[in-house]
C-alpha atoms as a PDB file:
ATOM      1  CA  MET A   1     124.810  98.595  86.415  1.00  0.00           C
ATOM      2  CA  THR A   2     123.146 100.649  88.969  1.00  0.00           C
ATOM      3  CA  THR A   3     124.361 104.391  89.710  1.00  0.00           C
ATOM      4  CA  THR A   4     126.141 104.339  92.915  1.00  0.00           C
ATOM      5  CA  LEU A   5     126.988 107.577  94.865  1.00  0.00           C
ATOM      6  CA  THR A   6     129.253 107.348  97.985  1.00  0.00           C
ATOM      7  CA  ALA A   7     128.820 109.848 100.700  1.00  0.00           C
ATOM      8  CA  PRO A   8     130.751 109.147 104.140  1.00  0.00           C
ATOM      9  CA  VAL A   9     128.246 109.241 107.361  1.00  0.00           C
ATOM     10  CA  SER A  10     130.974 111.297 108.995  1.00  0.00           C
ATOM     11  CA  THR A  11     130.186 114.312 106.533  1.00  0.00           C
ATOM     12  CA  PRO A  12     126.273 114.262 105.854  1.00  0.00           C
ATOM     13  CA  SER A  13     125.019 116.939 103.601  1.00  0.00           C
ATOM     14  CA  HIS A  14     123.392 119.794 105.236  1.00  0.00           C
ATOM     15  CA  ASP A  15     119.968 118.908 104.337  1.00  0.00           C
ATOM     16  CA  SER A  16     120.254 115.430 105.687  1.00  0.00           C
ATOM     17  CA  VAL A  17     121.075 116.270 109.372  1.00  0.00           C
ATOM     18  CA  VAL A  18     118.089 115.228 112.041  1.00  0.00           C
ATOM     19  CA  ARG A  19     118.614 117.009 115.223  1.00  0.00           C
ATOM     20  CA  GLN A  20     114.719 116.355 116.525  1.00  0.00           C
ATOM     21  CA  PRO A  21     113.491 112.974 114.817  1.00  0.00           C
ATOM     22  CA  ARG A  22     109.799 112.170 114.282  1.00  0.00           C
ATOM     23  CA  THR A  23     108.081 109.805 116.696  1.00  0.00           C
ATOM     24  CA  VAL A  24     105.822 106.986 115.455  1.00  0.00           C
ATOM     25  CA  GLU A  25     102.191 108.127 115.657  1.00  0.00           C
ATOM     26  CA  ARG A  26     100.830 104.461 115.095  1.00  0.00           C
ATOM     27  CA  LEU A  27     101.554 101.021 113.680  1.00  0.00           C
ATOM     28  CA  VAL A  28      99.527  99.721 110.993  1.00  0.00           C
ATOM     29  CA  THR A  29      98.902  95.910 109.938  1.00  0.00           C
ATOM     30  CA  GLY A  30      98.109  95.571 106.302  1.00  0.00           C
ATOM     31  CA  GLN A  31      94.715  93.864 104.933  1.00  0.00           C
ATOM     32  CA  ALA A  32      95.021  90.727 103.005  1.00  0.00           C
ATOM     33  CA  THR A  33      93.006  90.931  99.864  1.00  0.00           C
ATOM     34  CA  SER A  34      93.016  90.319  96.163  1.00  0.00           C
ATOM     35  CA  ASP A  35      92.788  92.465  92.954  1.00  0.00           C
ATOM     36  CA  GLY A  36      92.770  92.262  89.411  1.00  0.00           C
ATOM     37  CA  ASP A  37      92.311  88.708  88.193  1.00  0.00           C
ATOM     38  CA  GLY A  38      92.933  87.126  91.906  1.00  0.00           C
ATOM     39  CA  VAL A  39      96.312  88.559  92.577  1.00  0.00           C
ATOM     40  CA  LYS A  40      96.974  87.996  96.187  1.00  0.00           C
ATOM     41  CA  LEU A  41      98.210  91.085  97.809  1.00  0.00           C
ATOM     42  CA  THR A  42      98.224  93.324 101.262  1.00  0.00           C
ATOM     43  CA  ARG A  43      96.442  96.555 101.044  1.00  0.00           C
ATOM     44  CA  VAL A  44      98.844  98.497 103.558  1.00  0.00           C
ATOM     45  CA  LEU A  45      97.690 102.166 103.245  1.00  0.00           C
ATOM     46  CA  THR A  46      93.966 101.740 103.093  1.00  0.00           C
ATOM     47  CA  GLN A  47      91.102 104.456 102.047  1.00  0.00           C
ATOM     48  CA  PRO A  48      90.687 105.396 105.780  1.00  0.00           C
ATOM     49  CA  LEU A  49      94.163 106.570 105.950  1.00  0.00           C
ATOM     50  CA  GLN A  50      94.110 108.829 102.990  1.00  0.00           C
ATOM     51  CA  ARG A  51      93.305 112.091 104.570  1.00  0.00           C
ATOM     52  CA  ARG A  52      95.978 111.261 107.211  1.00  0.00           C
ATOM     53  CA  LEU A  53      98.840 110.353 104.581  1.00  0.00           C
ATOM     54  CA  ASP A  54      97.747 112.774 101.814  1.00  0.00           C
ATOM     55  CA  PRO A  55      98.882 113.145  99.046  1.00  0.00           C
ATOM     56  CA  PHE A  56      99.071 109.182  99.128  1.00  0.00           C
ATOM     57  CA  LEU A  57      96.074 107.107  98.460  1.00  0.00           C
ATOM     58  CA  MET A  58      97.126 103.493  98.708  1.00  0.00           C
ATOM     59  CA  LEU A  59     100.079 101.224  99.112  1.00  0.00           C
ATOM     60  CA  ASP A  60      99.858  97.514  98.006  1.00  0.00           C
ATOM     61  CA  ALA A  61     102.399  94.915  98.898  1.00  0.00           C
ATOM     62  CA  PHE A  62     102.569  91.644  96.863  1.00  0.00           C
ATOM     63  CA  GLY A  63     105.120  88.860  97.271  1.00  0.00           C
ATOM     64  CA  SER A  64     104.782  84.988  96.423  1.00  0.00           C
ATOM     65  CA  ASP A  65     106.670  81.998  95.338  1.00  0.00           C
ATOM     66  CA  ASP A  66     103.407  80.559  94.080  1.00  0.00           C
ATOM     67  CA  ALA A  67     102.541  81.533  90.641  1.00  0.00           C
ATOM     68  CA  GLY A  68      98.925  80.699  91.429  1.00  0.00           C
ATOM     69  CA  ASP A  69      98.970  83.847  93.722  1.00  0.00           C
ATOM     70  CA  TYR A  70      99.866  86.257  90.968  1.00  0.00           C
ATOM     71  CA  ILE A  71      99.667  84.661  87.362  1.00  0.00           C
ATOM     72  CA  GLY A  72      96.200  86.402  86.554  1.00  0.00           C
ATOM     73  CA  GLY A  73      98.135  89.582  86.855  1.00  0.00           C
ATOM     74  CA  PHE A  74      95.878  92.786  86.318  1.00  0.00           C
ATOM     75  CA  PRO A  75      93.804  92.707  83.102  1.00  0.00           C
ATOM     76  CA  ASP A  76      92.454  95.830  81.476  1.00  0.00           C
ATOM     77  CA  HIS A  77      91.428  98.175  83.841  1.00  0.00           C
ATOM     78  CA  PRO A  78      90.815 102.109  83.832  1.00  0.00           C
ATOM     79  CA  HIS A  79      92.259 105.215  86.144  1.00  0.00           C
ATOM     80  CA  ARG A  80      91.491 108.811  86.393  1.00  0.00           C
ATOM     81  CA  GLY A  81      93.070 111.541  88.513  1.00  0.00           C
ATOM     82  CA  PHE A  82      96.058 110.302  90.159  1.00  0.00           C
ATOM     83  CA  GLU A  83      99.261 108.475  89.421  1.00  0.00           C
ATOM     84  CA  THR A  84     100.459 104.753  90.101  1.00  0.00           C
ATOM     85  CA  VAL A  85     104.151 103.852  90.906  1.00  0.00           C
ATOM     86  CA  THR A  86     105.096 100.224  90.673  1.00  0.00           C
ATOM     87  CA  TYR A  87     108.273  99.088  92.252  1.00  0.00           C
ATOM     88  CA  MET A  88     109.272  95.556  91.511  1.00  0.00           C
ATOM     89  CA  ILE A  89     111.561  93.639  93.882  1.00  0.00           C
ATOM     90  CA  ALA A  90     111.517  90.236  92.072  1.00  0.00           C
ATOM     91  CA  GLY A  91     109.806  89.317  88.777  1.00  0.00           C
ATOM     92  CA  ARG A  92     108.684  90.256  85.190  1.00  0.00           C
ATOM     93  CA  MET A  93     105.572  92.507  84.804  1.00  0.00           C
ATOM     94  CA  ARG A  94     104.279  93.608  81.331  1.00  0.00           C
ATOM     95  CA  HIS A  95     102.590  97.055  80.988  1.00  0.00           C
ATOM     96  CA  ARG A  96     100.604  98.252  78.137  1.00  0.00           C
ATOM     97  CA  ASP A  97      98.058 101.143  78.107  1.00  0.00           C
ATOM     98  CA  SER A  98      95.348 102.790  75.659  1.00  0.00           C
ATOM     99  CA  THR A  99      97.442 105.509  74.937  1.00  0.00           C
ATOM    100  CA  GLY A 100      99.919 103.190  73.195  1.00  0.00           C
ATOM    101  CA  ASN A 101     102.763 102.708  75.844  1.00  0.00           C
ATOM    102  CA  GLU A 102     104.288  99.183  76.736  1.00  0.00           C
ATOM    103  CA  GLY A 103     107.126  98.245  79.163  1.00  0.00           C
ATOM    104  CA  LEU A 104     108.334  95.584  80.887  1.00  0.00           C
ATOM    105  CA  LEU A 105     108.877  95.965  84.622  1.00  0.00           C
ATOM    106  CA  GLN A 106     111.364  93.736  86.139  1.00  0.00           C
ATOM    107  CA  ASN A 107     113.794  93.378  89.095  1.00  0.00           C
ATOM    108  CA  GLY A 108     114.486  96.724  90.624  1.00  0.00           C
ATOM    109  CA  GLY A 109     112.718  98.783  88.305  1.00  0.00           C
ATOM    110  CA  VAL A 110     109.832 101.195  88.552  1.00  0.00           C
ATOM    111  CA  GLN A 111     106.883 102.347  86.409  1.00  0.00           C
ATOM    112  CA  TRP A 112     105.588 105.776  87.006  1.00  0.00           C
ATOM    113  CA  MET A 113     102.179 106.131  85.370  1.00  0.00           C
ATOM    114  CA  THR A 114     100.147 109.339  85.580  1.00  0.00           C
ATOM    115  CA  ALA A 115      96.624 108.601  84.636  1.00  0.00           C
ATOM    116  CA  GLY A 116      95.433 112.053  84.343  1.00  0.00           C
ATOM    117  CA  ARG A 117      92.129 112.534  82.699  1.00  0.00           C
ATOM    118  CA  GLY A 118      91.903 108.585  81.869  1.00  0.00           C
ATOM    119  CA  LEU A 119      93.565 105.666  80.232  1.00  0.00           C
ATOM    120  CA  ILE A 120      92.950 101.968  80.514  1.00  0.00           C
ATOM    121  CA  HIS A 121      95.968  99.730  81.114  1.00  0.00           C
ATOM    122  CA  SER A 122      97.015  95.971  81.776  1.00  0.00           C
ATOM    123  CA  GLU A 123      99.785  94.579  84.131  1.00  0.00           C
ATOM    124  CA  LEU A 124     100.233  91.183  83.250  1.00  0.00           C
ATOM    125  CA  PRO A 125     103.295  88.720  84.434  1.00  0.00           C
ATOM    126  CA  GLU A 126     105.708  87.390  82.152  1.00  0.00           C
ATOM    127  CA  GLN A 127     106.592  84.423  84.128  1.00  0.00           C
ATOM    128  CA  GLU A 128     104.988  81.144  85.025  1.00  0.00           C
ATOM    129  CA  GLU A 129     107.142  80.308  88.114  1.00  0.00           C
ATOM    130  CA  GLY A 130     109.303  81.987  90.361  1.00  0.00           C
ATOM    131  CA  ARG A 131     109.143  84.920  92.897  1.00  0.00           C
ATOM    132  CA  MET A 132     106.931  88.008  92.141  1.00  0.00           C
ATOM    133  CA  GLU A 133     107.199  90.609  94.547  1.00  0.00           C
ATOM    134  CA  GLY A 134     107.002  94.294  94.689  1.00  0.00           C
ATOM    135  CA  PHE A 135     104.662  97.260  95.951  1.00  0.00           C
ATOM    136  CA  GLN A 136     102.141  99.697  94.083  1.00  0.00           C
ATOM    137  CA  LEU A 137     101.723 103.263  95.576  1.00  0.00           C
ATOM    138  CA  TRP A 138      99.202 105.601  94.314  1.00  0.00           C
ATOM    139  CA  LEU A 139     100.127 109.273  94.409  1.00  0.00           C
ATOM    140  CA  ASN A 140      97.189 111.848  94.250  1.00  0.00           C
ATOM    141  CA  LEU A 141      97.351 114.489  91.855  1.00  0.00           C
ATOM    142  CA  PRO A 142      96.246 118.315  92.156  1.00  0.00           C
ATOM    143  CA  ALA A 143      93.032 119.185  91.074  1.00  0.00           C
ATOM    144  CA  ALA A 144      94.576 121.473  88.320  1.00  0.00           C
ATOM    145  CA  ASP A 145      96.448 118.418  86.716  1.00  0.00           C
ATOM    146  CA  LYS A 146      93.522 115.779  87.141  1.00  0.00           C
ATOM    147  CA  MET A 147      92.234 116.116  83.803  1.00  0.00           C
ATOM    148  CA  GLY A 148      95.911 116.459  82.110  1.00  0.00           C
ATOM    149  CA  THR A 149      97.577 114.315  79.626  1.00  0.00           C
ATOM    150  CA  PRO A 150      98.086 110.776  80.479  1.00  0.00           C
ATOM    151  CA  GLY A 151     101.908 109.934  80.723  1.00  0.00           C
ATOM    152  CA  TYR A 152     104.238 107.005  81.415  1.00  0.00           C
ATOM    153  CA  ARG A 153     107.811 106.331  82.217  1.00  0.00           C
ATOM    154  CA  ASP A 154     109.900 103.206  82.561  1.00  0.00           C
ATOM    155  CA  ILE A 155     112.656 103.506  85.012  1.00  0.00           C
ATOM    156  CA  PRO A 156     115.046 100.495  84.708  1.00  0.00           C
ATOM    157  CA  THR A 157     117.177  99.506  87.708  1.00  0.00           C
ATOM    158  CA  SER A 158     120.274 100.971  86.169  1.00  0.00           C
ATOM    159  CA  GLU A 159     118.518 104.201  86.306  1.00  0.00           C
ATOM    160  CA  ILE A 160     117.732 104.487  89.921  1.00  0.00           C
ATOM    161  CA  PRO A 161     120.631 106.097  91.673  1.00  0.00           C
ATOM    162  CA  GLU A 162     122.050 104.323  94.923  1.00  0.00           C
ATOM    163  CA  LEU A 163     123.232 106.273  97.992  1.00  0.00           C
ATOM    164  CA  ARG A 164     125.902 104.544 100.001  1.00  0.00           C
ATOM    165  CA  LEU A 165     126.404 105.094 103.597  1.00  0.00           C
ATOM    166  CA  ALA A 166     127.729 103.213 106.413  1.00  0.00           C
ATOM    167  CA  GLY A 167     125.918  99.947 106.793  1.00  0.00           C
ATOM    168  CA  ALA A 168     123.393 101.352 104.501  1.00  0.00           C
ATOM    169  CA  THR A 169     122.372 101.240 100.917  1.00  0.00           C
ATOM    170  CA  VAL A 170     119.531 103.473  99.808  1.00  0.00           C
ATOM    171  CA  ARG A 171     118.092 103.627  96.578  1.00  0.00           C
ATOM    172  CA  VAL A 172     116.539 106.767  95.601  1.00  0.00           C
ATOM    173  CA  ILE A 173     113.404 106.402  93.476  1.00  0.00           C
ATOM    174  CA  ALA A 174     111.872 110.042  94.251  1.00  0.00           C
ATOM    175  CA  GLY A 175     112.978 113.190  95.803  1.00  0.00           C
ATOM    176  CA  ALA A 176     116.481 113.579  97.319  1.00  0.00           C
ATOM    177  CA  SER A 177     118.550 112.022 100.042  1.00  0.00           C
ATOM    178  CA  HIS A 178     121.954 113.365 101.388  1.00  0.00           C
ATOM    179  CA  GLY A 179     122.262 115.344  98.366  1.00  0.00           C
ATOM    180  CA  VAL A 180     121.435 112.460  95.948  1.00  0.00           C
ATOM    181  CA  ALA A 181     118.669 113.292  93.707  1.00  0.00           C
ATOM    182  CA  GLY A 182     116.273 110.366  92.497  1.00  0.00           C
ATOM    183  CA  ALA A 183     115.043 109.282  89.471  1.00  0.00           C
ATOM    184  CA  VAL A 184     111.640 111.175  89.842  1.00  0.00           C
ATOM    185  CA  GLN A 185     110.922 114.818  91.038  1.00  0.00           C
ATOM    186  CA  LYS A 186     107.420 115.946  91.244  1.00  0.00           C
ATOM    187  CA  ALA A 187     106.836 119.653  91.966  1.00  0.00           C
ATOM    188  CA  HIS A 188     103.324 119.594  93.629  1.00  0.00           C
ATOM    189  CA  THR A 189     103.326 116.568  95.933  1.00  0.00           C
ATOM    190  CA  GLU A 190     107.157 116.802  96.376  1.00  0.00           C
ATOM    191  CA  PRO A 191     107.499 112.894  96.944  1.00  0.00           C
ATOM    192  CA  LEU A 192     110.379 111.142  98.858  1.00  0.00           C
ATOM    193  CA  TYR A 193     110.584 107.398  97.746  1.00  0.00           C
ATOM    194  CA  LEU A 194     113.385 105.667  99.379  1.00  0.00           C
ATOM    195  CA  ASP A 195     114.114 101.826  99.453  1.00  0.00           C
ATOM    196  CA  LEU A 196     116.509 101.254 102.589  1.00  0.00           C
ATOM    197  CA  HIS A 197     118.769  98.238 102.762  1.00  0.00           C
ATOM    198  CA  LEU A 198     120.171  98.479 106.332  1.00  0.00           C
ATOM    199  CA  GLU A 199     122.775  95.963 107.675  1.00  0.00           C
ATOM    200  CA  PRO A 200     122.482  94.673 111.225  1.00  0.00           C
ATOM    201  CA  GLY A 201     122.473  97.311 113.940  1.00  0.00           C
ATOM    202  CA  ALA A 202     123.163 100.210 111.127  1.00  0.00           C
ATOM    203  CA  THR A 203     121.369 103.699 111.235  1.00  0.00           C
ATOM    204  CA  PHE A 204     119.766 105.883 108.785  1.00  0.00           C
ATOM    205  CA  GLU A 205     118.395 109.409 109.132  1.00  0.00           C
ATOM    206  CA  GLN A 206     116.730 111.631 106.541  1.00  0.00           C
ATOM    207  CA  ALA A 207     115.600 115.229 106.811  1.00  0.00           C
ATOM    208  CA  LEU A 208     111.797 115.832 106.072  1.00  0.00           C
ATOM    209  CA  PRO A 209     109.904 119.007 106.264  1.00  0.00           C
ATOM    210  CA  ALA A 210     107.634 119.025 109.298  1.00  0.00           C
ATOM    211  CA  GLY A 211     104.654 119.635 107.119  1.00  0.00           C
ATOM    212  CA  HIS A 212     105.253 116.683 104.790  1.00  0.00           C
ATOM    213  CA  ASN A 213     103.023 113.363 105.655  1.00  0.00           C
ATOM    214  CA  ALA A 214     105.491 110.237 106.073  1.00  0.00           C
ATOM    215  CA  PHE A 215     105.565 106.696 106.744  1.00  0.00           C
ATOM    216  CA  VAL A 216     107.897 103.648 106.808  1.00  0.00           C
ATOM    217  CA  TYR A 217     107.136 100.186 105.741  1.00  0.00           C
ATOM    218  CA  VAL A 218     109.425  97.116 106.578  1.00  0.00           C
ATOM    219  CA  TYR A 219     109.528  94.373 104.400  1.00  0.00           C
ATOM    220  CA  ARG A 220     112.515  92.845 105.573  1.00  0.00           C
ATOM    221  CA  GLY A 221     113.722  92.169 109.276  1.00  0.00           C
ATOM    222  CA  GLU A 222     112.685  94.729 111.594  1.00  0.00           C
ATOM    223  CA  LEU A 223     114.030  98.390 112.536  1.00  0.00           C
ATOM    224  CA  ASP A 224     113.443 100.916 115.454  1.00  0.00           C
ATOM    225  CA  VAL A 225     112.245 104.244 114.726  1.00  0.00           C
ATOM    226  CA  ASP A 226     114.150 106.649 117.026  1.00  0.00           C
ATOM    227  CA  GLY A 227     111.930 109.423 118.249  1.00  0.00           C
ATOM    228  CA  GLY A 228     114.292 110.961 120.645  1.00  0.00           C
ATOM    229  CA  ALA A 229     112.902 110.394 124.064  1.00  0.00           C
ATOM    230  CA  THR A 230     110.987 107.317 122.658  1.00  0.00           C
ATOM    231  CA  ARG A 231     112.008 104.452 120.578  1.00  0.00           C
ATOM    232  CA  THR A 232     109.404 102.234 118.507  1.00  0.00           C
ATOM    233  CA  THR A 233     110.102  98.495 116.990  1.00  0.00           C
ATOM    234  CA  VAL A 234     108.552  98.343 113.640  1.00  0.00           C
ATOM    235  CA  PRO A 235     108.071  94.594 112.697  1.00  0.00           C
ATOM    236  CA  ARG A 236     108.334  93.041 109.378  1.00  0.00           C
ATOM    237  CA  GLU A 237     105.148  93.811 107.274  1.00  0.00           C
ATOM    238  CA  ARG A 238     104.100  96.788 109.422  1.00  0.00           C
ATOM    239  CA  MET A 239     103.728 100.219 108.557  1.00  0.00           C
ATOM    240  CA  ALA A 240     104.822 103.026 110.862  1.00  0.00           C
ATOM    241  CA  VAL A 241     102.765 106.362 110.422  1.00  0.00           C
ATOM    242  CA  LEU A 242     105.297 109.225 111.588  1.00  0.00           C
ATOM    243  CA  ALA A 243     103.668 111.765 113.718  1.00  0.00           C
ATOM    244  CA  ASN A 244     103.834 115.626 112.495  1.00  0.00           C
ATOM    245  CA  ALA A 245     105.225 118.359 114.697  1.00  0.00           C
ATOM    246  CA  ALA A 246     106.454 121.550 114.027  1.00  0.00           C
ATOM    247  CA  ASP A 247     109.845 121.053 116.037  1.00  0.00           C
ATOM    248  CA  ARG A 248     110.585 117.934 114.412  1.00  0.00           C
ATOM    249  CA  ASP A 249     113.066 117.676 111.430  1.00  0.00           C
ATOM    250  CA  GLY A 250     113.223 114.358 109.939  1.00  0.00           C
ATOM    251  CA  VAL A 251     113.156 110.608 110.958  1.00  0.00           C
ATOM    252  CA  ARG A 252     116.040 108.300 112.389  1.00  0.00           C
ATOM    253  CA  VAL A 253     115.834 104.579 112.219  1.00  0.00           C
ATOM    254  CA  ARG A 254     117.930 101.961 113.288  1.00  0.00           C
ATOM    255  CA  ALA A 255     118.200  98.121 111.838  1.00  0.00           C
ATOM    256  CA  GLY A 256     117.596  94.939 114.251  1.00  0.00           C
ATOM    257  CA  VAL A 257     119.887  92.126 114.605  1.00  0.00           C
ATOM    258  CA  ASP A 258     119.241  90.609 111.314  1.00  0.00           C
ATOM    259  CA  GLY A 259     119.487  93.513 109.305  1.00  0.00           C
ATOM    260  CA  ALA A 260     116.320  95.540 107.521  1.00  0.00           C
ATOM    261  CA  ARG A 261     114.831  96.459 104.462  1.00  0.00           C
ATOM    262  CA  ALA A 262     112.120  99.437 104.290  1.00  0.00           C
ATOM    263  CA  LEU A 263     110.161 101.780 102.175  1.00  0.00           C
ATOM    264  CA  LEU A 264     110.406 105.509 103.569  1.00  0.00           C
ATOM    265  CA  ILE A 265     107.848 107.399 101.674  1.00  0.00           C
ATOM    266  CA  ALA A 266     106.871 111.146 102.237  1.00  0.00           C
ATOM    267  CA  GLY A 267     105.274 113.994 100.562  1.00  0.00           C
ATOM    268  CA  ARG A 268     103.612 117.230 100.766  1.00  0.00           C
ATOM    269  CA  PRO A 269      99.767 116.947 101.426  1.00  0.00           C
ATOM    270  CA  LEU A 270      97.615 118.556  98.861  1.00  0.00           C
ATOM    271  CA  ASN A 271      95.108 119.446 101.411  1.00  0.00           C
ATOM    272  CA  GLU A 272      92.061 119.111  98.592  1.00  0.00           C
ATOM    273  CA  PRO A 273      88.769 117.033  98.772  1.00  0.00           C
ATOM    274  CA  ILE A 274      89.080 113.357  97.837  1.00  0.00           C
ATOM    275  CA  ALA A 275      86.463 111.718  95.911  1.00  0.00           C
ATOM    276  CA  GLN A 276      87.101 108.081  95.273  1.00  0.00           C
ATOM    277  CA  TYR A 277      85.164 105.315  93.237  1.00  0.00           C
ATOM    278  CA  GLY A 278      87.404 102.396  92.580  1.00  0.00           C
ATOM    279  CA  PRO A 279      90.062 103.474  89.992  1.00  0.00           C
ATOM    280  CA  PHE A 280      88.707 107.075  89.807  1.00  0.00           C
ATOM    281  CA  VAL A 281      90.197 109.768  92.242  1.00  0.00           C
ATOM    282  CA  MET A 282      88.516 113.255  91.752  1.00  0.00           C
ATOM    283  CA  ASN A 283      87.483 116.082  94.165  1.00  0.00           C
ATOM    284  CA  LYS A 284      83.863 115.861  93.799  1.00  0.00           C
ATOM    285  CA  GLN A 285      81.314 113.178  93.327  1.00  0.00           C
ATOM    286  CA  ALA A 286      80.056 114.963  90.163  1.00  0.00           C
ATOM    287  CA  GLU A 287      83.372 114.550  88.760  1.00  0.00           C
ATOM    288  CA  ILE A 288      83.233 110.878  89.795  1.00  0.00           C
ATOM    289  CA  PHE A 289      80.065 110.299  87.803  1.00  0.00           C
ATOM    290  CA  GLN A 290      81.730 111.963  84.744  1.00  0.00           C
ATOM    291  CA  ALA A 291      84.501 109.811  84.944  1.00  0.00           C
ATOM    292  CA  VAL A 292      81.991 106.718  84.706  1.00  0.00           C
ATOM    293  CA  GLU A 293      80.484 108.285  82.000  1.00  0.00           C
ATOM    294  CA  ASP A 294      83.412 108.915  80.081  1.00  0.00           C
ATOM    295  CA  PHE A 295      84.909 105.555  80.616  1.00  0.00           C
ATOM    296  CA  ARG A 296      81.758 103.825  79.316  1.00  0.00           C
ATOM    297  CA  ALA A 297      81.449 106.363  76.271  1.00  0.00           C
ATOM    298  CA  GLY A 298      85.046 105.056  75.564  1.00  0.00           C
ATOM    299  CA  LYS A 299      86.864 108.166  76.005  1.00  0.00           C
ATOM    300  CA  PHE A 300      89.662 106.397  77.641  1.00  0.00           C
ATOM    301  CA  GLY A 301      90.852 104.902  74.280  1.00  0.00           C
ATOM    302  CA  THR A 302      90.789 101.529  73.207  1.00  0.00           C
ATOM    303  CA  PRO A 303      91.965  98.789  75.661  1.00  0.00           C
ATOM    304  CA  PRO A 304      95.355  97.375  75.303  1.00  0.00           C
ATOM    305  CA  GLY A 305      94.248  94.004  75.115  1.00  0.00           C
ATOM    306  CA  ARG A 306      91.981  94.157  72.275  1.00  0.00           C
END
């Protein structure tokens, strides 16, 4: 059973009070593409947005009832220099990697993988029919940690705290909301990762440090971002990049007539150079060349599929 914590909206904790909410800087429409062995997905946070949404590098949304769209999965492939956060709304996906880790990602669960100095992993469906839906977020690592030891954590749905407010259920994957600590805490990037389930007309607000970059991605219904003097409607399958301003202390949203489900993601920027070549994200091009050489030399370990 999922951990449930109750906090009445009439007495929010001090760190949840928003007096000057952020406005929407822009709305982003994702790009339809495919990855792995032909898996159809929508790339919401693309490479041109990496500096603006530092420390986040990528957000993919996938969802289909047609097995042909996902059955190939993501066979053996390498990573170095960042973390992958996979959140499954529906379906079953098996993870294996070259460090010997293995786990089954299923409904409501999260897999948090730290690539560090490098590993090879696969993510393959364990279903041949039915719905497969979820998200993968790439979170950058600071330069000092990019060559650290790889790590992997399975977080089943039962270990993700849920916050209940009037008209809202909030799954706190990372960071904290209204005094409720999430399943994951990270010191350098301080990520906040919330899955908001809002009833029709319900409101939710979240305090955010002014210097943290933040966005909202709506995947059911629609919601309004209340910026005080302005209000922006965010339709389904759109990302709202929230503006940064020194006098703004958080975000306030209201669900539309059909309710809404959305991701609220924020983090402290690293403000470091970004050099990327496919699945390798470092700070300098020379480090990218070294990553390619190390991968070809077998220094990422034995692929799990062999």
